[in-house]
Amino acid sequence: MIDVLILFQQVLLLVLLVIPGVILKKAGLVKGDFAVGLSNVVLYVATPAMIIVSFMRKFDGRLMLRAAIVALICLLLHVFFFFVSRLLYRRAGADIQSVLRFSTVFTNAGYMGIPLIKALFGDEAVLFATFYIVFFNIFVWTLGCYIFTKDKRYISLRKAFINPATVSTAIGLICLFTSVATYLPPLPISYLSILNSLVAPLSMFIIGFGLADLKLTGFFRDFYLYEFIFVRMLLIPSACFFFLKLASLCGYNDPVAASAIFICASTPGATATSMFAEKFGGNTRYAAKLVSVSTILSVGTMPLVALWMKLL
């Protein structure tokens, strides 16, 4: 399913990219809204380019059928994650409870998962992972808003369906159905590929900026942090694997697509956690803590879970 050694190397490589972000922030070379601006570059330029370029191929009906099955699985997984999060962190304070639940449901699949998937399996697997990102965006503006506010009035259907990921996926699907890649000269695809390559380093720099601001006072006495790491990084990926295993027993046998889904579901807490905490009055420092710590620990947890799954 997944080469554990290669996965470890790729996760370690991504996590090491956090270091420049930490150094720059600690040295005072990054100030103000720089991290926000960098996030916008990733969100509105690099990620759409990565999604579109994954669709730049000749139309294949069987590929689309596989993608449709992946989309259904991703839908079911996000619903499952949401109900799991509702059972947890009940005694936590309101300001961190919403952060914990949000980060349990939503992973860093776009900023970390897709670069990993591309390195391990290539552009076809990225196409499958794109549908995970689409449902991430649909649910983040619906369930995500509800997690923080407990008020359905804050659910934004417009943002759920009109956002960089869904719009670029729609453009990508048009490119796929028309097989436009077979008619284009190499230049446009090379251009998109260069923008695509910005996703991994810039997103890791952003996490580094957050890590640089963490305070270590009481850091290791935080019970909820341990609970979150266990659930988000070990329990949920394991549950995802067994779900995919059950699907294979029912006739769904697609190792590349299953691996893409598994990696997306195994990535650390979403960088969007801090943005939503800021937007809805959650604990932004705690959000940065969850994302940063889970990202660093993913060097061990993702290969560990993959190895365990391989032995079963």
C-alpha atoms as a PDB file:
ATOM      1  CA  MET A   1       0.000   0.000   0.000  1.00  0.00           C
ATOM      2  CA  ILE A   2       2.573   2.589   1.172  1.00  0.00           C
ATOM      3  CA  ASP A   3       6.375   2.373   1.314  1.00  0.00           C
ATOM      4  CA  VAL A   4       6.884   3.259   4.979  1.00  0.00           C
ATOM      5  CA  LEU A   5      10.538   4.303   4.620  1.00  0.00           C
ATOM      6  CA  ILE A   6       9.772   6.680   1.745  1.00  0.00           C
ATOM      7  CA  LEU A   7       6.787   8.054   3.684  1.00  0.00           C
ATOM      8  CA  PHE A   8       9.035   8.699   6.694  1.00  0.00           C
ATOM      9  CA  GLN A   9      11.609  10.473   4.532  1.00  0.00           C
ATOM     10  CA  GLN A  10       9.016  12.659   2.840  1.00  0.00           C
ATOM     11  CA  VAL A  11       7.262  13.593   6.108  1.00  0.00           C
ATOM     12  CA  LEU A  12      10.629  14.387   7.711  1.00  0.00           C
ATOM     13  CA  LEU A  13      11.574  16.539   4.718  1.00  0.00           C
ATOM     14  CA  LEU A  14       8.343  18.526   5.030  1.00  0.00           C
ATOM     15  CA  VAL A  15       8.679  18.963   8.792  1.00  0.00           C
ATOM     16  CA  LEU A  16      12.272  20.178   8.414  1.00  0.00           C
ATOM     17  CA  LEU A  17      10.848  22.992   6.282  1.00  0.00           C
ATOM     18  CA  VAL A  18       9.262  24.314   9.484  1.00  0.00           C
ATOM     19  CA  ILE A  19      12.731  25.303  10.744  1.00  0.00           C
ATOM     20  CA  PRO A  20      13.252  28.359   8.468  1.00  0.00           C
ATOM     21  CA  GLY A  21       9.876  29.704   9.593  1.00  0.00           C
ATOM     22  CA  VAL A  22      10.841  29.371  13.250  1.00  0.00           C
ATOM     23  CA  ILE A  23      14.241  31.011  12.700  1.00  0.00           C
ATOM     24  CA  LEU A  24      12.817  33.908  10.698  1.00  0.00           C
ATOM     25  CA  LYS A  25      10.141  34.622  13.309  1.00  0.00           C
ATOM     26  CA  LYS A  26      12.524  34.310  16.271  1.00  0.00           C
ATOM     27  CA  ALA A  27      15.010  36.625  14.539  1.00  0.00           C
ATOM     28  CA  GLY A  28      12.305  39.253  14.090  1.00  0.00           C
ATOM     29  CA  LEU A  29      12.508  39.093  10.299  1.00  0.00           C
ATOM     30  CA  VAL A  30       8.831  38.165  10.025  1.00  0.00           C
ATOM     31  CA  LYS A  31       6.374  40.657  11.482  1.00  0.00           C
ATOM     32  CA  GLY A  32       2.779  41.762  11.330  1.00  0.00           C
ATOM     33  CA  ASP A  33       0.549  40.203   8.713  1.00  0.00           C
ATOM     34  CA  PHE A  34       3.328  38.515   6.738  1.00  0.00           C
ATOM     35  CA  ALA A  35       2.085  35.020   7.661  1.00  0.00           C
ATOM     36  CA  VAL A  36      -1.443  35.984   6.574  1.00  0.00           C
ATOM     37  CA  GLY A  37      -0.137  37.230   3.217  1.00  0.00           C
ATOM     38  CA  LEU A  38       1.866  34.061   2.736  1.00  0.00           C
ATOM     39  CA  SER A  39      -1.219  31.979   3.559  1.00  0.00           C
ATOM     40  CA  ASN A  40      -3.114  33.845   0.844  1.00  0.00           C
ATOM     41  CA  VAL A  41      -0.396  33.022  -1.687  1.00  0.00           C
ATOM     42  CA  VAL A  42      -0.758  29.336  -0.840  1.00  0.00           C
ATOM     43  CA  LEU A  43      -4.556  29.451  -0.710  1.00  0.00           C
ATOM     44  CA  TYR A  44      -5.293  31.536  -3.804  1.00  0.00           C
ATOM     45  CA  VAL A  45      -2.334  30.809  -6.100  1.00  0.00           C
ATOM     46  CA  ALA A  46      -0.279  27.713  -5.309  1.00  0.00           C
ATOM     47  CA  THR A  47      -3.028  25.298  -4.221  1.00  0.00           C
ATOM     48  CA  PRO A  48      -5.360  26.050  -7.178  1.00  0.00           C
ATOM     49  CA  ALA A  49      -2.399  25.551  -9.540  1.00  0.00           C
ATOM     50  CA  MET A  50      -1.657  22.202  -7.886  1.00  0.00           C
ATOM     51  CA  ILE A  51      -5.278  21.088  -8.229  1.00  0.00           C
ATOM     52  CA  ILE A  52      -5.651  22.176 -11.856  1.00  0.00           C
ATOM     53  CA  VAL A  53      -2.398  20.591 -13.004  1.00  0.00           C
ATOM     54  CA  SER A  54      -3.487  17.228 -11.529  1.00  0.00           C
ATOM     55  CA  PHE A  55      -6.442  17.250 -13.978  1.00  0.00           C
ATOM     56  CA  MET A  56      -4.236  18.000 -16.985  1.00  0.00           C
ATOM     57  CA  ARG A  57      -4.538  14.618 -18.665  1.00  0.00           C
ATOM     58  CA  LYS A  58      -6.507  12.820 -21.327  1.00  0.00           C
ATOM     59  CA  PHE A  59     -10.097  12.026 -20.320  1.00  0.00           C
ATOM     60  CA  ASP A  60     -10.546   8.533 -18.913  1.00  0.00           C
ATOM     61  CA  GLY A  61     -14.012   7.305 -17.923  1.00  0.00           C
ATOM     62  CA  ARG A  62     -12.620   4.684 -15.556  1.00  0.00           C
ATOM     63  CA  LEU A  63     -10.546   7.323 -13.805  1.00  0.00           C
ATOM     64  CA  MET A  64     -13.660   9.430 -13.242  1.00  0.00           C
ATOM     65  CA  LEU A  65     -15.525   6.440 -11.810  1.00  0.00           C
ATOM     66  CA  ARG A  66     -12.644   5.887  -9.385  1.00  0.00           C
ATOM     67  CA  ALA A  67     -12.704   9.584  -8.483  1.00  0.00           C
ATOM     68  CA  ALA A  68     -16.465   9.455  -7.841  1.00  0.00           C
ATOM     69  CA  ILE A  69     -15.986   6.572  -5.391  1.00  0.00           C
ATOM     70  CA  VAL A  70     -13.193   8.511  -3.687  1.00  0.00           C
ATOM     71  CA  ALA A  71     -15.508  11.519  -3.356  1.00  0.00           C
ATOM     72  CA  LEU A  72     -18.167   9.372  -1.651  1.00  0.00           C
ATOM     73  CA  ILE A  73     -15.610   7.921   0.772  1.00  0.00           C
ATOM     74  CA  CYS A  74     -14.275  11.399   1.607  1.00  0.00           C
ATOM     75  CA  LEU A  75     -17.820  12.601   2.310  1.00  0.00           C
ATOM     76  CA  LEU A  76     -18.445   9.701   4.703  1.00  0.00           C
ATOM     77  CA  LEU A  77     -15.092  10.163   6.446  1.00  0.00           C
ATOM     78  CA  HIS A  78     -15.698  13.849   7.233  1.00  0.00           C
ATOM     79  CA  VAL A  79     -19.120  13.014   8.678  1.00  0.00           C
ATOM     80  CA  PHE A  80     -17.488  10.275  10.770  1.00  0.00           C
ATOM     81  CA  PHE A  81     -14.745  12.636  12.005  1.00  0.00           C
ATOM     82  CA  PHE A  82     -17.370  15.182  13.052  1.00  0.00           C
ATOM     83  CA  PHE A  83     -19.320  12.664  15.141  1.00  0.00           C
ATOM     84  CA  VAL A  84     -16.098  11.400  16.752  1.00  0.00           C
ATOM     85  CA  SER A  85     -15.170  14.973  17.717  1.00  0.00           C
ATOM     86  CA  ARG A  86     -18.579  15.483  19.342  1.00  0.00           C
ATOM     87  CA  LEU A  87     -17.823  12.668  21.798  1.00  0.00           C
ATOM     88  CA  LEU A  88     -14.511  14.154  22.926  1.00  0.00           C
ATOM     89  CA  TYR A  89     -13.127  17.013  25.054  1.00  0.00           C
ATOM     90  CA  ARG A  90     -16.377  17.487  26.982  1.00  0.00           C
ATOM     91  CA  ARG A  91     -14.677  18.885  30.092  1.00  0.00           C
ATOM     92  CA  ALA A  92     -12.393  21.267  28.213  1.00  0.00           C
ATOM     93  CA  GLY A  93     -13.001  25.011  28.451  1.00  0.00           C
ATOM     94  CA  ALA A  94     -15.203  26.437  25.711  1.00  0.00           C
ATOM     95  CA  ASP A  95     -12.336  28.419  24.129  1.00  0.00           C
ATOM     96  CA  ILE A  96     -10.159  25.341  23.624  1.00  0.00           C
ATOM     97  CA  GLN A  97     -12.947  22.788  23.183  1.00  0.00           C
ATOM     98  CA  SER A  98     -13.930  24.250  19.814  1.00  0.00           C
ATOM     99  CA  VAL A  99     -10.277  24.349  18.728  1.00  0.00           C
ATOM    100  CA  LEU A 100      -9.752  20.708  19.732  1.00  0.00           C
ATOM    101  CA  ARG A 101     -12.877  19.517  17.924  1.00  0.00           C
ATOM    102  CA  PHE A 102     -12.174  21.537  14.785  1.00  0.00           C
ATOM    103  CA  SER A 103      -8.601  20.256  14.548  1.00  0.00           C
ATOM    104  CA  THR A 104      -9.796  16.694  15.107  1.00  0.00           C
ATOM    105  CA  VAL A 105     -12.156  16.895  12.132  1.00  0.00           C
ATOM    106  CA  PHE A 106     -10.030  18.924   9.723  1.00  0.00           C
ATOM    107  CA  THR A 107      -6.554  17.845   8.652  1.00  0.00           C
ATOM    108  CA  ASN A 108      -3.672  19.532   6.875  1.00  0.00           C
ATOM    109  CA  ALA A 109      -4.465  17.484   3.769  1.00  0.00           C
ATOM    110  CA  GLY A 110      -4.018  20.367   1.338  1.00  0.00           C
ATOM    111  CA  TYR A 111      -0.785  21.887   2.605  1.00  0.00           C
ATOM    112  CA  MET A 112       0.918  18.672   3.732  1.00  0.00           C
ATOM    113  CA  GLY A 113      -1.044  15.690   2.407  1.00  0.00           C
ATOM    114  CA  ILE A 114      -1.025  16.563  -1.287  1.00  0.00           C
ATOM    115  CA  PRO A 115       2.745  17.242  -1.480  1.00  0.00           C
ATOM    116  CA  LEU A 116       3.312  13.873   0.210  1.00  0.00           C
ATOM    117  CA  ILE A 117       0.908  12.104  -2.138  1.00  0.00           C
ATOM    118  CA  LYS A 118       2.510  13.706  -5.179  1.00  0.00           C
ATOM    119  CA  ALA A 119       5.968  12.590  -4.040  1.00  0.00           C
ATOM    120  CA  LEU A 120       4.820   9.031  -3.314  1.00  0.00           C
ATOM    121  CA  PHE A 121       2.336   8.330  -6.116  1.00  0.00           C
ATOM    122  CA  GLY A 122       2.360  11.126  -8.712  1.00  0.00           C
ATOM    123  CA  ASP A 123      -0.298  13.367 -10.242  1.00  0.00           C
ATOM    124  CA  GLU A 124      -3.015  10.715 -10.606  1.00  0.00           C
ATOM    125  CA  ALA A 125      -3.145  10.248  -6.829  1.00  0.00           C
ATOM    126  CA  VAL A 126      -3.204  14.045  -6.404  1.00  0.00           C
ATOM    127  CA  LEU A 127      -6.385  14.085  -8.491  1.00  0.00           C
ATOM    128  CA  PHE A 128      -8.000  11.710  -5.970  1.00  0.00           C
ATOM    129  CA  ALA A 129      -6.727  13.761  -3.025  1.00  0.00           C
ATOM    130  CA  THR A 130      -8.309  16.834  -4.602  1.00  0.00           C
ATOM    131  CA  PHE A 131     -11.757  15.461  -3.786  1.00  0.00           C
ATOM    132  CA  TYR A 132     -10.737  15.166  -0.138  1.00  0.00           C
ATOM    133  CA  ILE A 133      -9.832  18.880  -0.260  1.00  0.00           C
ATOM    134  CA  VAL A 134     -13.168  19.716  -1.898  1.00  0.00           C
ATOM    135  CA  PHE A 135     -15.108  18.085   0.947  1.00  0.00           C
ATOM    136  CA  PHE A 136     -12.740  19.682   3.451  1.00  0.00           C
ATOM    137  CA  ASN A 137     -13.785  23.093   2.115  1.00  0.00           C
ATOM    138  CA  ILE A 138     -17.476  22.237   2.000  1.00  0.00           C
ATOM    139  CA  PHE A 139     -17.467  21.024   5.587  1.00  0.00           C
ATOM    140  CA  VAL A 140     -15.066  23.630   6.984  1.00  0.00           C
ATOM    141  CA  TRP A 141     -17.526  26.428   6.092  1.00  0.00           C
ATOM    142  CA  THR A 142     -20.510  24.493   7.423  1.00  0.00           C
ATOM    143  CA  LEU A 143     -19.587  22.055  10.202  1.00  0.00           C
ATOM    144  CA  GLY A 144     -16.428  24.045  10.964  1.00  0.00           C
ATOM    145  CA  CYS A 145     -18.399  27.242  11.577  1.00  0.00           C
ATOM    146  CA  TYR A 146     -20.922  25.315  13.665  1.00  0.00           C
ATOM    147  CA  ILE A 147     -18.176  23.768  15.837  1.00  0.00           C
ATOM    148  CA  PHE A 148     -16.980  27.230  16.868  1.00  0.00           C
ATOM    149  CA  THR A 149     -20.313  29.059  17.138  1.00  0.00           C
ATOM    150  CA  LYS A 150     -22.937  26.376  17.895  1.00  0.00           C
ATOM    151  CA  ASP A 151     -25.133  28.604  15.721  1.00  0.00           C
ATOM    152  CA  LYS A 152     -26.405  27.535  12.275  1.00  0.00           C
ATOM    153  CA  ARG A 153     -26.657  31.172  11.208  1.00  0.00           C
ATOM    154  CA  TYR A 154     -22.886  31.283  10.790  1.00  0.00           C
ATOM    155  CA  ILE A 155     -22.877  28.419   8.290  1.00  0.00           C
ATOM    156  CA  SER A 156     -21.786  29.834   4.930  1.00  0.00           C
ATOM    157  CA  LEU A 157     -23.068  27.818   1.976  1.00  0.00           C
ATOM    158  CA  ARG A 158     -21.653  30.371  -0.439  1.00  0.00           C
ATOM    159  CA  LYS A 159     -18.123  29.924   0.896  1.00  0.00           C
ATOM    160  CA  ALA A 160     -18.644  26.162   1.110  1.00  0.00           C
ATOM    161  CA  PHE A 161     -19.212  25.875  -2.628  1.00  0.00           C
ATOM    162  CA  ILE A 162     -17.375  28.940  -3.946  1.00  0.00           C
ATOM    163  CA  ASN A 163     -13.795  28.826  -2.699  1.00  0.00           C
ATOM    164  CA  PRO A 164     -10.350  28.351  -4.292  1.00  0.00           C
ATOM    165  CA  ALA A 165     -10.445  24.557  -3.983  1.00  0.00           C
ATOM    166  CA  THR A 166     -13.923  23.988  -5.443  1.00  0.00           C
ATOM    167  CA  VAL A 167     -13.479  26.581  -8.217  1.00  0.00           C
ATOM    168  CA  SER A 168     -10.099  25.170  -9.251  1.00  0.00           C
ATOM    169  CA  THR A 169     -11.546  21.642  -9.143  1.00  0.00           C
ATOM    170  CA  ALA A 170     -14.351  22.763 -11.464  1.00  0.00           C
ATOM    171  CA  ILE A 171     -11.763  24.272 -13.835  1.00  0.00           C
ATOM    172  CA  GLY A 172      -9.744  21.069 -13.585  1.00  0.00           C
ATOM    173  CA  LEU A 173     -12.767  18.922 -14.427  1.00  0.00           C
ATOM    174  CA  ILE A 174     -13.441  21.046 -17.519  1.00  0.00           C
ATOM    175  CA  CYS A 175      -9.806  20.556 -18.546  1.00  0.00           C
ATOM    176  CA  LEU A 176     -10.148  16.811 -17.979  1.00  0.00           C
ATOM    177  CA  PHE A 177     -13.447  16.377 -19.846  1.00  0.00           C
ATOM    178  CA  THR A 178     -12.120  18.363 -22.823  1.00  0.00           C
ATOM    179  CA  SER A 179      -8.662  16.702 -22.676  1.00  0.00           C
ATOM    180  CA  VAL A 180      -7.240  20.201 -23.049  1.00  0.00           C
ATOM    181  CA  ALA A 181      -3.788  19.037 -21.917  1.00  0.00           C
ATOM    182  CA  THR A 182      -3.352  17.138 -25.185  1.00  0.00           C
ATOM    183  CA  TYR A 183      -3.710  20.403 -27.159  1.00  0.00           C
ATOM    184  CA  LEU A 184      -1.753  22.811 -24.958  1.00  0.00           C
ATOM    185  CA  PRO A 185       1.922  23.616 -25.490  1.00  0.00           C
ATOM    186  CA  PRO A 186       4.235  22.654 -22.580  1.00  0.00           C
ATOM    187  CA  LEU A 187       4.551  26.247 -21.284  1.00  0.00           C
ATOM    188  CA  PRO A 188       1.173  26.588 -19.440  1.00  0.00           C
ATOM    189  CA  ILE A 189       1.560  23.217 -17.717  1.00  0.00           C
ATOM    190  CA  SER A 190       5.146  24.054 -16.717  1.00  0.00           C
ATOM    191  CA  TYR A 191       3.912  27.387 -15.350  1.00  0.00           C
ATOM    192  CA  LEU A 192       1.263  25.671 -13.206  1.00  0.00           C
ATOM    193  CA  SER A 193       3.804  23.098 -12.038  1.00  0.00           C
ATOM    194  CA  ILE A 194       6.160  25.828 -10.801  1.00  0.00           C
ATOM    195  CA  LEU A 195       3.333  27.456  -8.813  1.00  0.00           C
ATOM    196  CA  ASN A 196       2.330  24.013  -7.559  1.00  0.00           C
ATOM    197  CA  SER A 197       5.825  23.503  -6.095  1.00  0.00           C
ATOM    198  CA  LEU A 198       5.294  26.475  -3.725  1.00  0.00           C
ATOM    199  CA  VAL A 199       2.645  24.692  -1.646  1.00  0.00           C
ATOM    200  CA  ALA A 200       4.862  22.507   0.533  1.00  0.00           C
ATOM    201  CA  PRO A 201       7.623  24.954   1.546  1.00  0.00           C
ATOM    202  CA  LEU A 202       5.381  27.990   2.091  1.00  0.00           C
ATOM    203  CA  SER A 203       2.801  26.076   4.123  1.00  0.00           C
ATOM    204  CA  MET A 204       5.530  24.624   6.354  1.00  0.00           C
ATOM    205  CA  PHE A 205       7.040  28.111   6.832  1.00  0.00           C
ATOM    206  CA  ILE A 206       3.624  29.305   8.039  1.00  0.00           C
ATOM    207  CA  ILE A 207       3.476  26.499  10.604  1.00  0.00           C
ATOM    208  CA  GLY A 208       7.006  27.476  11.677  1.00  0.00           C
ATOM    209  CA  PHE A 209       5.864  31.043  12.353  1.00  0.00           C
ATOM    210  CA  GLY A 210       3.180  29.684  14.694  1.00  0.00           C
ATOM    211  CA  LEU A 211       5.618  27.320  16.398  1.00  0.00           C
ATOM    212  CA  ALA A 212       8.005  30.202  17.137  1.00  0.00           C
ATOM    213  CA  ASP A 213       5.318  31.949  19.221  1.00  0.00           C
ATOM    214  CA  LEU A 214       4.514  28.951  21.448  1.00  0.00           C
ATOM    215  CA  LYS A 215       5.059  29.292  25.195  1.00  0.00           C
ATOM    216  CA  LEU A 216       6.363  26.187  26.975  1.00  0.00           C
ATOM    217  CA  THR A 217       4.821  27.074  30.364  1.00  0.00           C
ATOM    218  CA  GLY A 218       2.542  24.164  31.321  1.00  0.00           C
ATOM    219  CA  PHE A 219       3.062  22.718  27.847  1.00  0.00           C
ATOM    220  CA  PHE A 220       3.553  19.106  28.952  1.00  0.00           C
ATOM    221  CA  ARG A 221       0.817  19.195  31.606  1.00  0.00           C
ATOM    222  CA  ASP A 222      -1.905  19.634  28.998  1.00  0.00           C
ATOM    223  CA  PHE A 223      -4.007  16.439  29.128  1.00  0.00           C
ATOM    224  CA  TYR A 224      -6.142  17.513  26.191  1.00  0.00           C
ATOM    225  CA  LEU A 225      -3.080  17.851  23.967  1.00  0.00           C
ATOM    226  CA  TYR A 226      -2.227  14.185  24.570  1.00  0.00           C
ATOM    227  CA  GLU A 227      -5.828  13.163  23.950  1.00  0.00           C
ATOM    228  CA  PHE A 228      -5.874  15.149  20.710  1.00  0.00           C
ATOM    229  CA  ILE A 229      -2.590  13.642  19.473  1.00  0.00           C
ATOM    230  CA  PHE A 230      -3.813  10.113  20.211  1.00  0.00           C
ATOM    231  CA  VAL A 231      -7.171  10.629  18.492  1.00  0.00           C
ATOM    232  CA  ARG A 232      -6.082  12.778  15.514  1.00  0.00           C
ATOM    233  CA  MET A 233      -2.756  11.109  14.731  1.00  0.00           C
ATOM    234  CA  LEU A 234      -3.344   7.473  15.708  1.00  0.00           C
ATOM    235  CA  LEU A 235      -6.985   6.531  16.326  1.00  0.00           C
ATOM    236  CA  ILE A 236      -8.601   8.283  13.357  1.00  0.00           C
ATOM    237  CA  PRO A 237      -6.010   7.092  10.768  1.00  0.00           C
ATOM    238  CA  SER A 238      -6.467   3.553  12.100  1.00  0.00           C
ATOM    239  CA  ALA A 239     -10.252   3.854  11.807  1.00  0.00           C
ATOM    240  CA  CYS A 240      -9.805   5.215   8.275  1.00  0.00           C
ATOM    241  CA  PHE A 241      -7.662   2.218   7.367  1.00  0.00           C
ATOM    242  CA  PHE A 242     -10.249  -0.264   8.635  1.00  0.00           C
ATOM    243  CA  PHE A 243     -12.948   1.605   6.739  1.00  0.00           C
ATOM    244  CA  LEU A 244     -10.893   1.294   3.539  1.00  0.00           C
ATOM    245  CA  LYS A 245     -10.190  -2.352   4.355  1.00  0.00           C
ATOM    246  CA  LEU A 246     -13.915  -2.989   4.715  1.00  0.00           C
ATOM    247  CA  ALA A 247     -14.500  -1.235   1.382  1.00  0.00           C
ATOM    248  CA  SER A 248     -11.927  -3.526  -0.273  1.00  0.00           C
ATOM    249  CA  LEU A 249     -13.700  -6.594   1.135  1.00  0.00           C
ATOM    250  CA  CYS A 250     -16.886  -5.249  -0.468  1.00  0.00           C
ATOM    251  CA  GLY A 251     -15.157  -5.110  -3.865  1.00  0.00           C
ATOM    252  CA  TYR A 252     -13.454  -1.693  -3.827  1.00  0.00           C
ATOM    253  CA  ASN A 253      -9.837  -2.476  -4.696  1.00  0.00           C
ATOM    254  CA  ASP A 254      -7.911   0.656  -5.657  1.00  0.00           C
ATOM    255  CA  PRO A 255      -4.577   0.851  -3.757  1.00  0.00           C
ATOM    256  CA  VAL A 256      -3.495   4.244  -5.152  1.00  0.00           C
ATOM    257  CA  ALA A 257      -6.793   5.981  -4.362  1.00  0.00           C
ATOM    258  CA  ALA A 258      -7.010   4.286  -0.956  1.00  0.00           C
ATOM    259  CA  SER A 259      -3.452   5.378  -0.118  1.00  0.00           C
ATOM    260  CA  ALA A 260      -4.264   8.974  -1.101  1.00  0.00           C
ATOM    261  CA  ILE A 261      -7.329   8.993   1.167  1.00  0.00           C
ATOM    262  CA  PHE A 262      -5.387   7.392   4.015  1.00  0.00           C
ATOM    263  CA  ILE A 263      -2.577   9.958   3.857  1.00  0.00           C
ATOM    264  CA  CYS A 264      -5.041  12.871   3.763  1.00  0.00           C
ATOM    265  CA  ALA A 265      -6.837  11.499   6.822  1.00  0.00           C
ATOM    266  CA  SER A 266      -3.535  10.895   8.664  1.00  0.00           C
ATOM    267  CA  THR A 267      -2.079  14.385   8.339  1.00  0.00           C
ATOM    268  CA  PRO A 268      -1.860  16.767  11.335  1.00  0.00           C
ATOM    269  CA  GLY A 269      -4.431  19.332  12.381  1.00  0.00           C
ATOM    270  CA  ALA A 270      -5.390  21.885   9.725  1.00  0.00           C
ATOM    271  CA  THR A 271      -3.609  25.226   9.549  1.00  0.00           C
ATOM    272  CA  ALA A 272      -7.116  26.671   9.101  1.00  0.00           C
ATOM    273  CA  THR A 273      -7.673  25.989  12.823  1.00  0.00           C
ATOM    274  CA  SER A 274      -5.924  29.240  13.748  1.00  0.00           C
ATOM    275  CA  MET A 275      -7.849  31.219  11.142  1.00  0.00           C
ATOM    276  CA  PHE A 276     -11.225  29.990  12.408  1.00  0.00           C
ATOM    277  CA  ALA A 277     -10.199  30.463  16.040  1.00  0.00           C
ATOM    278  CA  GLU A 278      -9.356  34.095  15.201  1.00  0.00           C
ATOM    279  CA  LYS A 279     -12.592  34.559  13.265  1.00  0.00           C
ATOM    280  CA  PHE A 280     -14.913  33.133  15.924  1.00  0.00           C
ATOM    281  CA  GLY A 281     -13.151  34.076  19.164  1.00  0.00           C
ATOM    282  CA  GLY A 282     -11.429  30.783  19.906  1.00  0.00           C
ATOM    283  CA  ASN A 283      -8.018  30.372  21.513  1.00  0.00           C
ATOM    284  CA  THR A 284      -5.581  31.199  18.682  1.00  0.00           C
ATOM    285  CA  ARG A 285      -2.468  30.321  20.700  1.00  0.00           C
ATOM    286  CA  TYR A 286      -3.899  26.917  21.503  1.00  0.00           C
ATOM    287  CA  ALA A 287      -4.777  26.414  17.843  1.00  0.00           C
ATOM    288  CA  ALA A 288      -1.168  27.157  16.841  1.00  0.00           C
ATOM    289  CA  LYS A 289      -0.014  24.730  19.527  1.00  0.00           C
ATOM    290  CA  LEU A 290      -2.165  21.840  18.217  1.00  0.00           C
ATOM    291  CA  VAL A 291      -1.146  22.382  14.600  1.00  0.00           C
ATOM    292  CA  SER A 292       2.561  22.806  15.336  1.00  0.00           C
ATOM    293  CA  VAL A 293       2.906  19.883  17.762  1.00  0.00           C
ATOM    294  CA  SER A 294       0.879  17.482  15.614  1.00  0.00           C
ATOM    295  CA  THR A 295       2.932  18.491  12.558  1.00  0.00           C
ATOM    296  CA  ILE A 296       6.221  17.745  14.307  1.00  0.00           C
ATOM    297  CA  LEU A 297       4.950  14.451  15.750  1.00  0.00           C
ATOM    298  CA  SER A 298       3.656  13.383  12.324  1.00  0.00           C
ATOM    299  CA  VAL A 299       7.256  12.412  11.489  1.00  0.00           C
ATOM    300  CA  GLY A 300       6.707   9.454  13.797  1.00  0.00           C
ATOM    301  CA  THR A 301       2.957   8.903  13.821  1.00  0.00           C
ATOM    302  CA  MET A 302       2.284   8.737  10.074  1.00  0.00           C
ATOM    303  CA  PRO A 303       4.981   6.110   9.323  1.00  0.00           C
ATOM    304  CA  LEU A 304       4.020   4.235  12.523  1.00  0.00           C
ATOM    305  CA  VAL A 305       0.374   3.924  11.511  1.00  0.00           C
ATOM    306  CA  ALA A 306       1.347   3.058   7.918  1.00  0.00           C
ATOM    307  CA  LEU A 307       3.692   0.324   9.214  1.00  0.00           C
ATOM    308  CA  TRP A 308       1.008  -1.066  11.470  1.00  0.00           C
ATOM    309  CA  MET A 309      -1.470  -1.119   8.603  1.00  0.00           C
ATOM    310  CA  LYS A 310       1.083  -2.886   6.409  1.00  0.00           C
ATOM    311  CA  LEU A 311       1.554  -5.636   9.010  1.00  0.00           C
ATOM    312  CA  LEU A 312      -2.183  -6.351   9.257  1.00  0.00           C
END
